[in-house]
C-alpha atoms as a PDB file:
ATOM      1  CA  UNK A   1      -2.768 -20.752  -7.644  1.00  0.00           C
ATOM      2  CA  UNK A   2      -0.622 -19.326  -4.859  1.00  0.00           C
ATOM      3  CA  UNK A   3      -0.646 -20.725  -1.338  1.00  0.00           C
ATOM      4  CA  UNK A   4       0.791 -19.519   1.960  1.00  0.00           C
ATOM      5  CA  UNK A   5       1.546 -21.618   5.019  1.00  0.00           C
ATOM      6  CA  UNK A   6       2.453 -18.597   7.147  1.00  0.00           C
ATOM      7  CA  UNK A   7       1.416 -18.874  10.787  1.00  0.00           C
ATOM      8  CA  UNK A   8      -1.541 -16.743  11.828  1.00  0.00           C
ATOM      9  CA  UNK A   9       0.482 -14.886  14.475  1.00  0.00           C
ATOM     10  CA  UNK A  10       3.124 -13.965  11.905  1.00  0.00           C
ATOM     11  CA  UNK A  11       0.433 -12.921   9.420  1.00  0.00           C
ATOM     12  CA  UNK A  12      -0.997 -10.528  12.019  1.00  0.00           C
ATOM     13  CA  UNK A  13       2.490  -9.287  12.900  1.00  0.00           C
ATOM     14  CA  UNK A  14       2.931  -8.288   9.236  1.00  0.00           C
ATOM     15  CA  UNK A  15      -0.676  -7.256   8.597  1.00  0.00           C
ATOM     16  CA  UNK A  16      -0.968  -4.657  11.356  1.00  0.00           C
ATOM     17  CA  UNK A  17       2.093  -2.551  10.388  1.00  0.00           C
ATOM     18  CA  UNK A  18       1.118  -2.908   6.721  1.00  0.00           C
ATOM     19  CA  UNK A  19      -2.329  -1.537   7.501  1.00  0.00           C
ATOM     20  CA  UNK A  20      -0.801   1.272   9.528  1.00  0.00           C
ATOM     21  CA  UNK A  21       1.335   2.038   6.471  1.00  0.00           C
ATOM     22  CA  UNK A  22      -1.441   2.538   3.952  1.00  0.00           C
ATOM     23  CA  UNK A  23      -3.488   4.443   6.533  1.00  0.00           C
ATOM     24  CA  UNK A  24      -0.542   6.811   7.171  1.00  0.00           C
ATOM     25  CA  UNK A  25      -0.085   7.326   3.441  1.00  0.00           C
ATOM     26  CA  UNK A  26      -3.794   8.087   2.986  1.00  0.00           C
ATOM     27  CA  UNK A  27      -3.763  10.571   5.908  1.00  0.00           C
ATOM     28  CA  UNK A  28      -0.647  12.306   4.571  1.00  0.00           C
ATOM     29  CA  UNK A  29      -2.132  12.486   1.085  1.00  0.00           C
ATOM     30  CA  UNK A  30      -5.427  13.799   2.456  1.00  0.00           C
ATOM     31  CA  UNK A  31      -3.612  16.465   4.446  1.00  0.00           C
ATOM     32  CA  UNK A  32      -1.599  17.395   1.359  1.00  0.00           C
ATOM     33  CA  UNK A  33      -4.787  17.839  -0.665  1.00  0.00           C
ATOM     34  CA  UNK A  34      -6.606  19.673   2.144  1.00  0.00           C
ATOM     35  CA  UNK A  35      -3.676  21.992   2.802  1.00  0.00           C
ATOM     36  CA  UNK A  36      -2.698  22.819  -0.755  1.00  0.00           C
ATOM     37  CA  UNK A  37      -5.764  22.100  -2.802  1.00  0.00           C
ATOM     38  CA  UNK A  38      -5.420  19.496  -5.497  1.00  0.00           C
ATOM     39  CA  UNK A  39      -4.964  22.045  -8.278  1.00  0.00           C
ATOM     40  CA  UNK A  40      -2.279  24.020  -6.417  1.00  0.00           C
ATOM     41  CA  UNK A  41       0.324  21.395  -7.266  1.00  0.00           C
ATOM     42  CA  UNK A  42      -1.473  19.420  -9.944  1.00  0.00           C
ATOM     43  CA  UNK A  43       1.437  17.344 -11.276  1.00  0.00           C
ATOM     44  CA  UNK A  44       2.541  16.359  -7.751  1.00  0.00           C
ATOM     45  CA  UNK A  45      -1.047  15.697  -6.697  1.00  0.00           C
ATOM     46  CA  UNK A  46      -1.626  13.411  -9.665  1.00  0.00           C
ATOM     47  CA  UNK A  47       1.626  11.552  -9.072  1.00  0.00           C
ATOM     48  CA  UNK A  48       0.903  11.086  -5.375  1.00  0.00           C
ATOM     49  CA  UNK A  49      -2.635   9.878  -6.160  1.00  0.00           C
ATOM     50  CA  UNK A  50      -1.330   6.889  -8.154  1.00  0.00           C
ATOM     51  CA  UNK A  51      -0.104   5.016  -5.039  1.00  0.00           C
ATOM     52  CA  UNK A  52      -3.416   5.817  -3.317  1.00  0.00           C
ATOM     53  CA  UNK A  53      -5.294   4.190  -6.187  1.00  0.00           C
ATOM     54  CA  UNK A  54      -2.980   1.153  -6.209  1.00  0.00           C
ATOM     55  CA  UNK A  55      -3.252   0.691  -2.449  1.00  0.00           C
ATOM     56  CA  UNK A  56      -7.019   1.134  -2.587  1.00  0.00           C
ATOM     57  CA  UNK A  57      -7.284  -1.487  -5.350  1.00  0.00           C
ATOM     58  CA  UNK A  58      -5.172  -3.877  -3.259  1.00  0.00           C
ATOM     59  CA  UNK A  59      -7.251  -3.258  -0.133  1.00  0.00           C
ATOM     60  CA  UNK A  60     -10.514  -3.847  -1.993  1.00  0.00           C
ATOM     61  CA  UNK A  61      -9.134  -7.048  -3.493  1.00  0.00           C
ATOM     62  CA  UNK A  62      -7.919  -8.337  -0.116  1.00  0.00           C
ATOM     63  CA  UNK A  63     -11.300  -7.584   1.472  1.00  0.00           C
ATOM     64  CA  UNK A  64     -12.975  -9.443  -1.390  1.00  0.00           C
ATOM     65  CA  UNK A  65     -10.629 -12.390  -0.844  1.00  0.00           C
ATOM     66  CA  UNK A  66     -11.458 -12.408   2.845  1.00  0.00           C
ATOM     67  CA  UNK A  67     -15.204 -12.378   2.088  1.00  0.00           C
ATOM     68  CA  UNK A  68     -14.743 -15.357  -0.251  1.00  0.00           C
ATOM     69  CA  UNK A  69     -12.586 -17.117   2.389  1.00  0.00           C
ATOM     70  CA  UNK A  70      -9.526 -17.226   0.119  1.00  0.00           C
ATOM     71  CA  UNK A  71      -7.041 -16.008   2.744  1.00  0.00           C
ATOM     72  CA  UNK A  72      -4.264 -18.534   2.219  1.00  0.00           C
ATOM     73  CA  UNK A  73      -4.915 -19.944  -1.268  1.00  0.00           C
ATOM     74  CA  UNK A  74      -5.328 -17.427  -4.078  1.00  0.00           C
ATOM     75  CA  UNK A  75      -5.631 -17.547  -7.840  1.00  0.00           C
ATOM     76  CA  UNK A  76      -2.722 -15.714  -9.485  1.00  0.00           C
ATOM     77  CA  UNK A  77      -4.908 -12.805 -10.613  1.00  0.00           C
ATOM     78  CA  UNK A  78      -6.223 -12.203  -7.090  1.00  0.00           C
ATOM     79  CA  UNK A  79      -2.736 -12.555  -5.604  1.00  0.00           C
ATOM     80  CA  UNK A  80      -1.295  -9.868  -7.883  1.00  0.00           C
ATOM     81  CA  UNK A  81      -4.327  -7.560  -7.620  1.00  0.00           C
ATOM     82  CA  UNK A  82      -4.180  -7.761  -3.829  1.00  0.00           C
ATOM     83  CA  UNK A  83      -0.639  -8.125  -2.580  1.00  0.00           C
ATOM     84  CA  UNK A  84       1.003  -6.971  -5.798  1.00  0.00           C
ATOM     85  CA  UNK A  85      -0.940  -3.700  -5.843  1.00  0.00           C
ATOM     86  CA  UNK A  86      -0.335  -3.029  -2.143  1.00  0.00           C
ATOM     87  CA  UNK A  87       3.377  -3.815  -2.328  1.00  0.00           C
ATOM     88  CA  UNK A  88       3.957  -1.788  -5.492  1.00  0.00           C
ATOM     89  CA  UNK A  89       1.726   1.043  -4.271  1.00  0.00           C
ATOM     90  CA  UNK A  90       3.701   1.275  -1.032  1.00  0.00           C
ATOM     91  CA  UNK A  91       7.058   1.334  -2.808  1.00  0.00           C
ATOM     92  CA  UNK A  92       5.862   3.856  -5.371  1.00  0.00           C
ATOM     93  CA  UNK A  93       4.301   6.012  -2.654  1.00  0.00           C
ATOM     94  CA  UNK A  94       7.522   6.160  -0.642  1.00  0.00           C
ATOM     95  CA  UNK A  95       9.635   6.993  -3.689  1.00  0.00           C
ATOM     96  CA  UNK A  96       7.262   9.619  -5.089  1.00  0.00           C
ATOM     97  CA  UNK A  97       6.784  11.256  -1.690  1.00  0.00           C
ATOM     98  CA  UNK A  98      10.534  11.514  -1.249  1.00  0.00           C
ATOM     99  CA  UNK A  99      10.968  12.810  -4.808  1.00  0.00           C
ATOM    100  CA  UNK A 100       8.480  15.670  -4.452  1.00  0.00           C
ATOM    101  CA  UNK A 101       9.306  16.453  -0.812  1.00  0.00           C
ATOM    102  CA  UNK A 102      11.566  19.378  -1.603  1.00  0.00           C
ATOM    103  CA  UNK A 103       8.963  21.617  -3.191  1.00  0.00           C
ATOM    104  CA  UNK A 104       5.403  20.427  -2.945  1.00  0.00           C
ATOM    105  CA  UNK A 105       4.658  18.713   0.366  1.00  0.00           C
ATOM    106  CA  UNK A 106       5.029  19.902   3.930  1.00  0.00           C
ATOM    107  CA  UNK A 107       7.701  17.997   5.794  1.00  0.00           C
ATOM    108  CA  UNK A 108       5.198  16.429   8.223  1.00  0.00           C
ATOM    109  CA  UNK A 109       2.993  15.142   5.398  1.00  0.00           C
ATOM    110  CA  UNK A 110       5.977  13.927   3.410  1.00  0.00           C
ATOM    111  CA  UNK A 111       7.422  12.027   6.373  1.00  0.00           C
ATOM    112  CA  UNK A 112       4.004  10.502   7.044  1.00  0.00           C
ATOM    113  CA  UNK A 113       3.644   9.454   3.399  1.00  0.00           C
ATOM    114  CA  UNK A 114       7.193   8.111   3.116  1.00  0.00           C
ATOM    115  CA  UNK A 115       6.862   6.129   6.357  1.00  0.00           C
ATOM    116  CA  UNK A 116       3.437   4.860   5.322  1.00  0.00           C
ATOM    117  CA  UNK A 117       4.674   3.802   1.910  1.00  0.00           C
ATOM    118  CA  UNK A 118       7.663   1.995   3.389  1.00  0.00           C
ATOM    119  CA  UNK A 119       5.523   0.184   5.980  1.00  0.00           C
ATOM    120  CA  UNK A 120       2.993  -0.851   3.346  1.00  0.00           C
ATOM    121  CA  UNK A 121       5.737  -2.013   0.952  1.00  0.00           C
ATOM    122  CA  UNK A 122       7.721  -3.971   3.530  1.00  0.00           C
ATOM    123  CA  UNK A 123       4.883  -5.698   5.349  1.00  0.00           C
ATOM    124  CA  UNK A 124       2.601  -6.397   2.373  1.00  0.00           C
ATOM    125  CA  UNK A 125       5.731  -7.668   0.647  1.00  0.00           C
ATOM    126  CA  UNK A 126       6.569  -9.962   3.559  1.00  0.00           C
ATOM    127  CA  UNK A 127       3.133 -11.526   3.375  1.00  0.00           C
ATOM    128  CA  UNK A 128       3.395 -11.727  -0.421  1.00  0.00           C
ATOM    129  CA  UNK A 129       6.693 -13.626  -0.338  1.00  0.00           C
ATOM    130  CA  UNK A 130       5.138 -16.201   1.995  1.00  0.00           C
ATOM    131  CA  UNK A 131       2.941 -17.306  -0.928  1.00  0.00           C
ATOM    132  CA  UNK A 132       4.389 -20.001  -3.149  1.00  0.00           C
ATOM    133  CA  UNK A 133       3.141 -20.938  -6.586  1.00  0.00           C
ATOM    134  CA  UNK A 134       1.444 -24.322  -6.553  1.00  0.00           C
ATOM    135  CA  UNK A 135       2.486 -26.891  -9.124  1.00  0.00           C
END
């Protein structure tokens, strides 16, 4: 089990920019797909979809945790599926967006995806590090 004693105000201060991050990444990815068509740049599209899937898995897990009222005390599996997936998805999204920026993504979409990935990584990570493993 993992438990966090983070103050509610600090949680919200991290949660809001983290949510803005994954939303920005999703918008940038959606614009990339809408503008280029998924098959136009298939390898890049597939690579950039991986962070979307990770972030989506983390979001679904965190919503499930909220429904089950597990906000501050989580089993290890739920902790890693929620915050682990969001943190890793954000980092991977920022790196992959920067890596394929030069040839496959418009600058506006790339900047949106990089910024979104960084925000998601940093702020989901800040909440994640507030959890400590119980003995």
